Amino acid sequence: MVWLIALVCLVVAGAAGHSYGPVRGAAAFFGLVFGVTLAKPLAILTKHLLPVLGLVHPVWGIFVPQTIACVLVMIIFMIAGEVRHQRIAFEFKYKTDDRTRISWDRMYARVGLAIGVLDGVILFLLLMVPVYVGGYFANEAQITESDPFLPRFLVQARAELQSTGLDRVVAAYDPTPPQLYNAGDVATLVLHNPLSEARLTHYPALLQLAEQPEFKTFGSDIAFQELIQTQAKPSQILAYPSVINILTNAGLTAELSSLIGNNLDDLKEFLMTGQSPKFDAEPILGIWDSDRAGTMAEVRRRQPGLTPLQMKEKEQDVYPILEGLSLTAIPNGQMLLKKATANNPYTTIVGAWKRQDSGYQVTLPGSHPEQSDVSIEEGNKLLLPKDGFFLVFNKEL
């Protein structure tokens, strides 16, 4: 299939070169070459055209600026080639004899054919770039024979590129940012390993997004959870209304990109091992659930002389405080104290945390005390002074 496309490109471009001549063919050739070469540097300028064109979603910024730059360079070369061609054509049409003009036309067409073939080579490589990129993601989506023609074609064509060794040539012109490939790897890992979804929701950089209403609905959306658990096709997941709302929301997409765009390698490691080389240095980061038994053990350790009756009274006092209580520490320095109630899923107090000596200082408005020093033991046990107790929290995952 790839060789058939290559043959079509050579035949069409060669015929065009034979018809339009070597000057315009050469202009097209150099326009393609310089357009591809200058596309990335000029994209810095052409990206400012996106708002003018109404393309405000961040996804347009991946390929469109480079495409616009390449097309503009090609247009400039094509205009220059057309001007030069008209001057040469005028010279031989009106200022030479018929024999010279006929010989010139014959030579002009044959040279144009050769240059047109070169144009066909460049055209083929440019056409293979979207095949190379699209085939990678289609292959990760595990396309089957029941899927539409386009994704099946992309998978087959990319496999042929690899078998012929042409993929190494096409890869040199691939404008896709490495982060996009990493994002595809992460998505594939989550979609085909449902257990990694829990880790995904606990990745420190994503804890801030988890507080957004658009993301909160996923945890309680039974239909969406069934799609994930049954390893539905990516096309089905991408077509899900809640997913569409996020992907089409430019603000949320930009925020998601800023939070994890440079952390995708770290996120992939976290999903596979549960360890984050970047965020493990701050053990406070994550979600912490209150531990009733652990809190009472801490009371007993700090007040060994309490009688069983006194311990029961302490437990009665601390239970209303601990019930439905959790902490979430976010990399931006926020500490969220959440309290589940009978009428609402939970109420949230937004505080702050910062490292202090060997522990952390936490500020929680309205708490008693509002500012306190917390300690973390064994990496998964947090002690928070509150309401006369040292409350114990266990880290999720």
Protein backbone atom coordinates (compact mmCIF):
# COMPACT_ATOMS: atom_id res chain seq x y z
CA MET A 1 0.00 0.00 0.00
CA VAL A 2 2.82 2.40 0.87
CA TRP A 3 4.57 1.69 -2.42
CA LEU A 4 1.31 2.27 -4.29
CA ILE A 5 1.00 5.69 -2.66
CA ALA A 6 4.62 6.43 -3.56
CA LEU A 7 4.01 5.43 -7.17
CA VAL A 8 0.91 7.65 -7.40
CA CYS A 9 2.85 10.60 -5.94
CA LEU A 10 5.69 10.14 -8.46
CA VAL A 11 3.34 9.78 -11.43
CA VAL A 12 1.14 12.74 -10.51
CA ALA A 13 4.03 15.03 -9.58
CA GLY A 14 6.03 13.93 -12.65
CA ALA A 15 3.08 14.65 -14.95
CA ALA A 16 2.61 18.03 -13.31
CA GLY A 17 6.33 18.82 -13.75
CA HIS A 18 6.14 17.79 -17.44
CA SER A 19 3.19 20.11 -17.92
CA TYR A 20 4.32 23.12 -15.90
CA GLY A 21 8.06 23.00 -16.63
CA PRO A 22 11.24 22.89 -14.57
CA VAL A 23 11.12 26.47 -13.25
CA ARG A 24 7.77 26.07 -11.55
CA GLY A 25 8.70 22.50 -10.63
CA ALA A 26 11.93 23.68 -9.02
CA ALA A 27 10.03 26.41 -7.19
CA ALA A 28 7.66 23.75 -5.82
CA PHE A 29 10.61 21.54 -4.86
CA PHE A 30 12.50 24.23 -2.99
CA GLY A 31 9.24 25.52 -1.53
CA LEU A 32 8.57 22.08 -0.03
CA VAL A 33 12.15 21.68 1.20
CA PHE A 34 12.44 25.12 2.77
CA GLY A 35 8.84 24.98 4.00
CA VAL A 36 9.50 21.79 5.94
CA THR A 37 12.87 23.07 7.18
CA LEU A 38 11.57 26.46 8.34
CA ALA A 39 8.18 25.27 9.61
CA LYS A 40 9.29 24.78 13.20
CA PRO A 41 11.27 28.04 13.59
CA LEU A 42 8.54 30.10 11.91
CA ALA A 43 5.82 28.43 14.02
CA ILE A 44 6.84 30.80 16.83
CA LEU A 45 5.45 33.61 14.67
CA THR A 46 2.53 31.87 12.98
CA LYS A 47 1.06 30.66 16.28
CA HIS A 48 -0.08 34.25 16.83
CA LEU A 49 -2.44 33.77 13.88
CA LEU A 50 -4.44 31.07 15.66
CA PRO A 51 -6.67 33.43 17.70
CA VAL A 52 -7.33 35.43 14.53
CA LEU A 53 -8.48 32.24 12.82
CA GLY A 54 -10.62 31.32 15.83
CA LEU A 55 -8.44 28.33 16.77
CA VAL A 56 -8.18 28.89 20.51
CA HIS A 57 -8.05 25.27 21.71
CA PRO A 58 -4.51 24.20 22.76
CA VAL A 59 -4.59 21.16 20.46
CA TRP A 60 -4.45 23.45 17.43
CA GLY A 61 -1.10 24.73 18.64
CA ILE A 62 0.53 21.33 18.10
CA PHE A 63 0.48 21.18 14.29
CA VAL A 64 -1.36 24.15 12.81
CA PRO A 65 1.36 26.84 13.30
CA GLN A 66 3.93 24.65 11.54
CA THR A 67 1.48 23.82 8.76
CA ILE A 68 0.70 27.51 8.21
CA ALA A 69 4.42 28.36 8.15
CA CYS A 70 5.14 25.61 5.62
CA VAL A 71 2.28 26.70 3.34
CA LEU A 72 3.32 30.36 3.46
CA VAL A 73 6.90 29.50 2.49
CA MET A 74 5.62 27.33 -0.37
CA ILE A 75 3.36 30.13 -1.62
CA ILE A 76 6.27 32.55 -1.70
CA PHE A 77 8.40 30.14 -3.72
CA MET A 78 5.51 29.30 -6.05
CA ILE A 79 4.87 32.98 -6.76
CA ALA A 80 8.57 33.54 -7.47
CA GLY A 81 8.63 30.50 -9.74
CA GLU A 82 5.54 31.63 -11.66
CA VAL A 83 7.03 35.10 -12.25
CA ARG A 84 10.28 33.60 -13.52
CA HIS A 85 8.44 31.08 -15.71
CA GLN A 86 6.36 33.80 -17.37
CA ARG A 87 9.47 35.79 -18.25
CA ILE A 88 11.17 32.75 -19.81
CA ALA A 89 8.01 31.74 -21.68
CA PHE A 90 7.60 35.26 -23.05
CA GLU A 91 11.22 35.30 -24.23
CA PHE A 92 11.00 32.05 -26.19
CA LYS A 93 7.47 32.62 -27.46
CA TYR A 94 7.93 36.05 -28.95
CA LYS A 95 11.69 36.57 -29.39
CA THR A 96 12.95 33.32 -30.92
CA ASP A 97 12.23 31.40 -34.12
CA ASP A 98 9.88 28.41 -34.18
CA ARG A 99 12.62 25.79 -34.37
CA THR A 100 14.37 27.14 -31.28
CA ARG A 101 11.06 27.46 -29.44
CA ILE A 102 10.03 23.87 -30.25
CA SER A 103 13.41 22.51 -29.13
CA TRP A 104 13.17 24.57 -25.99
CA ASP A 105 9.64 23.33 -25.22
CA ARG A 106 10.76 19.71 -25.65
CA MET A 107 13.77 20.14 -23.36
CA TYR A 108 11.69 22.21 -20.89
CA ALA A 109 9.08 19.46 -20.56
CA ARG A 110 11.65 16.67 -20.08
CA VAL A 111 13.58 18.55 -17.41
CA GLY A 112 10.25 19.44 -15.81
CA LEU A 113 9.40 15.73 -15.67
CA ALA A 114 12.64 14.97 -13.80
CA ILE A 115 12.11 17.78 -11.31
CA GLY A 116 8.48 16.74 -10.94
CA VAL A 117 9.63 13.29 -9.84
CA LEU A 118 11.74 14.94 -7.13
CA ASP A 119 8.66 16.86 -6.06
CA GLY A 120 6.84 13.54 -5.87
CA VAL A 121 9.45 12.16 -3.48
CA ILE A 122 9.05 15.12 -1.11
CA LEU A 123 5.26 14.96 -1.45
CA PHE A 124 5.30 11.27 -0.56
CA LEU A 125 7.40 11.90 2.57
CA LEU A 126 5.06 14.70 3.66
CA LEU A 127 2.02 12.47 3.19
CA MET A 128 3.67 9.76 5.24
CA VAL A 129 4.19 12.06 8.25
CA PRO A 130 0.48 11.98 9.32
CA VAL A 131 0.48 8.25 8.56
CA TYR A 132 3.54 7.77 10.78
CA VAL A 133 2.02 9.80 13.63
CA GLY A 134 -1.56 8.58 13.30
CA GLY A 135 -0.46 4.98 12.90
CA TYR A 136 1.39 5.11 16.21
CA PHE A 137 -1.71 6.13 18.16
CA ALA A 138 -4.01 3.87 16.16
CA ASN A 139 -1.73 0.93 16.90
CA GLU A 140 -1.76 1.70 20.62
CA ALA A 141 -5.55 1.82 20.49
CA GLN A 142 -5.44 -1.85 19.38
CA ILE A 143 -7.43 -1.40 16.18
CA THR A 144 -9.29 -4.49 14.93
CA GLU A 145 -10.88 -5.51 11.63
CA SER A 146 -14.24 -4.21 12.85
CA ASP A 147 -12.95 -0.67 13.14
CA PRO A 148 -13.41 1.96 10.39
CA PHE A 149 -11.14 2.00 7.36
CA LEU A 150 -8.99 5.01 8.31
CA PRO A 151 -7.50 3.68 11.58
CA ARG A 152 -6.96 0.26 9.98
CA PHE A 153 -5.20 1.92 7.06
CA LEU A 154 -2.98 3.93 9.40
CA VAL A 155 -1.92 0.82 11.31
CA GLN A 156 -1.17 -1.13 8.14
CA ALA A 157 0.65 1.74 6.44
CA ARG A 158 2.82 2.44 9.48
CA ALA A 159 3.72 -1.23 9.72
CA GLU A 160 4.80 -1.14 6.06
CA LEU A 161 6.87 1.98 6.70
CA GLN A 162 8.64 0.14 9.49
CA SER A 163 9.21 -3.03 7.47
CA THR A 164 10.74 -1.04 4.60
CA GLY A 165 12.88 1.14 6.85
CA LEU A 166 11.16 4.29 5.60
CA ASP A 167 9.93 5.07 9.09
CA ARG A 168 13.43 6.30 10.01
CA VAL A 169 13.33 8.77 7.12
CA VAL A 170 9.82 9.99 7.92
CA ALA A 171 10.63 10.29 11.63
CA ALA A 172 13.16 13.02 10.80
CA TYR A 173 10.26 15.23 9.65
CA ASP A 174 7.87 14.34 12.47
CA PRO A 175 6.75 17.60 14.16
CA THR A 176 4.92 15.84 16.99
CA PRO A 177 6.13 16.92 20.46
CA PRO A 178 7.53 14.03 22.52
CA GLN A 179 5.02 14.89 25.25
CA LEU A 180 2.19 13.87 22.93
CA TYR A 181 3.66 10.42 22.45
CA ASN A 182 4.16 10.13 26.22
CA ALA A 183 0.54 11.16 26.75
CA GLY A 184 -0.55 8.42 24.36
CA ASP A 185 1.52 5.87 26.26
CA VAL A 186 -0.05 6.98 29.55
CA ALA A 187 -3.57 6.81 28.10
CA THR A 188 -2.92 3.32 26.74
CA LEU A 189 -1.54 2.19 30.08
CA VAL A 190 -4.66 3.42 31.91
CA LEU A 191 -7.15 2.10 29.35
CA HIS A 192 -5.68 -1.40 29.23
CA ASN A 193 -4.85 -1.62 32.94
CA PRO A 194 -7.99 -0.59 34.86
CA LEU A 195 -6.20 -0.94 38.20
CA SER A 196 -3.89 1.92 37.23
CA GLU A 197 -6.90 4.26 37.21
CA ALA A 198 -6.75 4.44 41.02
CA ARG A 199 -3.09 5.45 40.84
CA LEU A 200 -3.92 8.06 38.23
CA THR A 201 -6.35 9.80 40.59
CA HIS A 202 -3.67 9.87 43.29
CA TYR A 203 -0.88 11.34 41.20
CA PRO A 204 0.17 14.52 43.09
CA ALA A 205 0.15 16.80 40.05
CA LEU A 206 -3.46 15.80 39.27
CA LEU A 207 -4.86 16.28 42.78
CA GLN A 208 -5.61 19.91 41.99
CA LEU A 209 -7.63 18.96 38.92
CA ALA A 210 -9.56 16.39 40.94
CA GLU A 211 -11.25 19.29 42.72
CA GLN A 212 -12.69 20.60 39.45
CA PRO A 213 -16.42 19.80 39.00
CA GLU A 214 -15.78 18.40 35.52
CA PHE A 215 -13.43 15.75 36.96
CA LYS A 216 -15.38 14.99 40.14
CA THR A 217 -18.21 13.41 38.15
CA PHE A 218 -16.01 10.62 36.79
CA GLY A 219 -15.71 8.86 40.14
CA SER A 220 -19.50 8.52 40.51
CA ASP A 221 -20.30 8.01 36.82
CA ILE A 222 -21.22 4.33 36.63
CA ALA A 223 -21.46 4.27 32.83
CA PHE A 224 -18.01 5.75 32.45
CA GLN A 225 -16.54 3.35 35.00
CA GLU A 226 -18.00 0.45 33.03
CA LEU A 227 -16.26 1.72 29.90
CA ILE A 228 -12.93 1.73 31.73
CA GLN A 229 -13.43 -1.63 33.45
CA THR A 230 -14.48 -3.34 30.23
CA GLN A 231 -11.52 -1.77 28.38
CA ALA A 232 -13.74 -0.08 25.83
CA LYS A 233 -12.22 1.23 22.63
CA PRO A 234 -10.60 4.67 22.85
CA SER A 235 -13.08 5.93 20.27
CA GLN A 236 -15.95 5.05 22.63
CA ILE A 237 -14.27 6.75 25.57
CA LEU A 238 -13.43 9.85 23.55
CA ALA A 239 -17.06 10.03 22.40
CA TYR A 240 -18.36 9.96 25.99
CA PRO A 241 -20.12 13.29 26.78
CA SER A 242 -18.09 14.08 29.91
CA VAL A 243 -14.82 13.42 28.09
CA ILE A 244 -15.92 15.58 25.15
CA ASN A 245 -16.75 18.43 27.55
CA ILE A 246 -13.19 18.33 28.92
CA LEU A 247 -11.44 17.95 25.58
CA THR A 248 -13.39 20.86 24.09
CA ASN A 249 -12.80 23.09 27.11
CA ALA A 250 -9.73 25.14 26.18
CA GLY A 251 -9.15 26.32 29.76
CA LEU A 252 -9.23 22.83 31.28
CA THR A 253 -7.08 21.38 28.50
CA ALA A 254 -4.48 24.11 28.97
CA GLU A 255 -4.49 23.58 32.75
CA LEU A 256 -4.09 19.83 32.33
CA SER A 257 -1.20 20.37 29.93
CA SER A 258 0.53 22.79 32.31
CA LEU A 259 0.18 20.41 35.27
CA ILE A 260 1.44 17.21 33.68
CA GLY A 261 2.87 18.25 30.30
CA ASN A 262 6.44 18.09 31.64
CA ASN A 263 5.75 15.26 34.10
CA LEU A 264 4.58 12.52 31.74
CA ASP A 265 7.65 10.34 32.22
CA ASP A 266 7.20 10.66 35.97
CA LEU A 267 3.47 9.91 35.67
CA LYS A 268 4.20 6.79 33.62
CA GLU A 269 6.63 5.59 36.29
CA PHE A 270 4.04 6.29 39.00
CA LEU A 271 1.34 4.32 37.17
CA MET A 272 3.62 1.32 36.72
CA THR A 273 5.36 1.25 40.13
CA GLY A 274 3.44 3.56 42.46
CA GLN A 275 6.65 5.58 42.94
CA SER A 276 7.14 9.15 41.74
CA PRO A 277 10.80 10.19 41.38
CA LYS A 278 9.70 13.84 41.26
CA PHE A 279 7.14 14.04 44.08
CA ASP A 280 8.28 11.33 46.51
CA ALA A 281 10.68 13.87 48.01
CA GLU A 282 7.61 15.47 49.63
CA PRO A 283 5.89 12.61 51.48
CA ILE A 284 3.04 14.89 52.59
CA LEU A 285 1.67 15.04 49.05
CA GLY A 286 -1.36 12.87 48.48
CA ILE A 287 -4.70 11.91 50.05
CA TRP A 288 -4.84 11.00 53.75
CA ASP A 289 -7.78 9.24 55.42
CA SER A 290 -8.50 9.50 59.12
CA ASP A 291 -7.67 6.42 61.21
CA ARG A 292 -9.88 5.94 64.26
CA ALA A 293 -7.97 2.98 65.70
CA GLY A 294 -4.65 4.66 65.03
CA THR A 295 -5.78 7.85 66.74
CA MET A 296 -6.88 5.95 69.84
CA ALA A 297 -3.56 4.08 69.89
CA GLU A 298 -1.83 7.47 69.78
CA VAL A 299 -3.97 8.66 72.72
CA ARG A 300 -3.00 5.56 74.67
CA ARG A 301 0.68 6.06 73.84
CA ARG A 302 0.69 9.68 74.93
CA GLN A 303 -1.50 9.12 78.01
CA PRO A 304 -0.65 5.64 79.29
CA GLY A 305 -2.41 6.19 82.64
CA LEU A 306 -5.94 6.45 81.22
CA THR A 307 -8.49 3.96 82.51
CA PRO A 308 -10.71 1.94 80.14
CA LEU A 309 -13.63 4.24 81.00
CA GLN A 310 -11.58 7.32 80.22
CA MET A 311 -10.42 5.75 76.97
CA LYS A 312 -14.04 5.13 76.01
CA GLU A 313 -14.89 8.76 76.76
CA LYS A 314 -11.94 9.88 74.64
CA GLU A 315 -13.13 7.68 71.81
CA GLN A 316 -16.61 9.16 72.02
CA ASP A 317 -15.10 12.63 71.85
CA VAL A 318 -12.78 11.96 68.94
CA TYR A 319 -15.14 9.88 66.78
CA PRO A 320 -17.30 12.86 65.63
CA ILE A 321 -14.11 14.70 64.70
CA LEU A 322 -12.67 11.79 62.67
CA GLU A 323 -15.83 10.64 60.94
CA GLY A 324 -15.57 11.42 57.23
CA LEU A 325 -12.39 13.45 57.74
CA SER A 326 -9.57 13.46 55.18
CA LEU A 327 -6.65 15.60 54.10
CA THR A 328 -5.34 16.31 50.61
CA ALA A 329 -1.93 17.92 50.14
CA ILE A 330 -1.39 19.45 46.69
CA PRO A 331 1.98 20.37 45.14
CA ASN A 332 0.98 24.06 44.90
CA GLY A 333 1.17 24.29 48.71
CA GLN A 334 -2.54 23.89 49.42
CA MET A 335 -3.85 21.60 52.13
CA LEU A 336 -7.51 20.61 51.84
CA LEU A 337 -9.36 19.43 54.94
CA LYS A 338 -12.51 17.58 53.86
CA LYS A 339 -15.34 16.59 56.15
CA ALA A 340 -18.14 14.33 54.95
CA THR A 341 -21.59 15.10 56.31
CA ALA A 342 -24.97 13.47 56.12
CA ASN A 343 -26.44 16.15 53.86
CA ASN A 344 -23.44 16.88 51.62
CA PRO A 345 -20.71 14.66 50.22
CA TYR A 346 -18.18 16.82 52.06
CA THR A 347 -17.26 20.33 53.01
CA THR A 348 -13.78 21.61 52.33
CA ILE A 349 -11.47 23.94 54.22
CA VAL A 350 -8.64 25.29 52.07
CA GLY A 351 -5.43 25.70 54.01
CA ALA A 352 -1.72 25.54 53.31
CA TRP A 353 1.32 23.42 54.05
CA LYS A 354 5.03 24.13 53.99
CA ARG A 355 8.14 22.20 54.90
CA GLN A 356 9.68 23.07 58.25
CA ASP A 357 12.86 21.41 59.55
CA SER A 358 12.23 17.66 59.42
CA GLY A 359 8.44 17.99 59.29
CA TYR A 360 5.71 20.24 57.99
CA GLN A 361 3.73 23.22 59.18
CA VAL A 362 0.05 23.13 58.27
CA THR A 363 -2.41 26.03 58.41
CA LEU A 364 -6.12 25.19 58.43
CA PRO A 365 -8.48 28.17 58.95
CA GLY A 366 -11.16 27.47 61.55
CA SER A 367 -9.33 24.49 62.99
CA HIS A 368 -8.09 24.32 66.60
CA PRO A 369 -5.28 25.21 66.39
CA GLU A 370 -5.25 26.88 62.98
CA GLN A 371 -1.49 26.44 62.62
CA SER A 372 0.24 23.30 63.76
CA ASP A 373 3.29 21.16 63.12
CA VAL A 374 2.58 17.76 61.64
CA SER A 375 4.88 14.77 61.44
CA ILE A 376 4.94 11.87 59.03
CA GLU A 377 6.03 8.46 60.21
CA GLU A 378 7.11 5.59 57.95
CA GLY A 379 5.98 7.61 54.93
CA ASN A 380 2.31 6.66 55.26
CA LYS A 381 1.20 7.86 58.71
CA LEU A 382 0.48 11.54 59.43
CA LEU A 383 -0.12 13.04 62.87
CA LEU A 384 -2.14 16.27 63.02
CA PRO A 385 -2.75 18.13 66.31
CA LYS A 386 -6.44 19.12 66.33
CA ASP A 387 -9.07 19.74 69.00
CA GLY A 388 -6.82 18.45 71.78
CA PHE A 389 -5.94 15.20 69.97
CA PHE A 390 -3.16 13.99 67.75
CA LEU A 391 -5.28 12.76 64.85
CA VAL A 392 -3.79 9.95 62.81
CA PHE A 393 -4.21 9.77 59.04
CA ASN A 394 -3.18 6.97 56.72
CA LYS A 395 -2.05 7.69 53.18
CA GLU A 396 -4.11 6.24 50.36
CA LEU A 397 -2.05 4.04 48.02
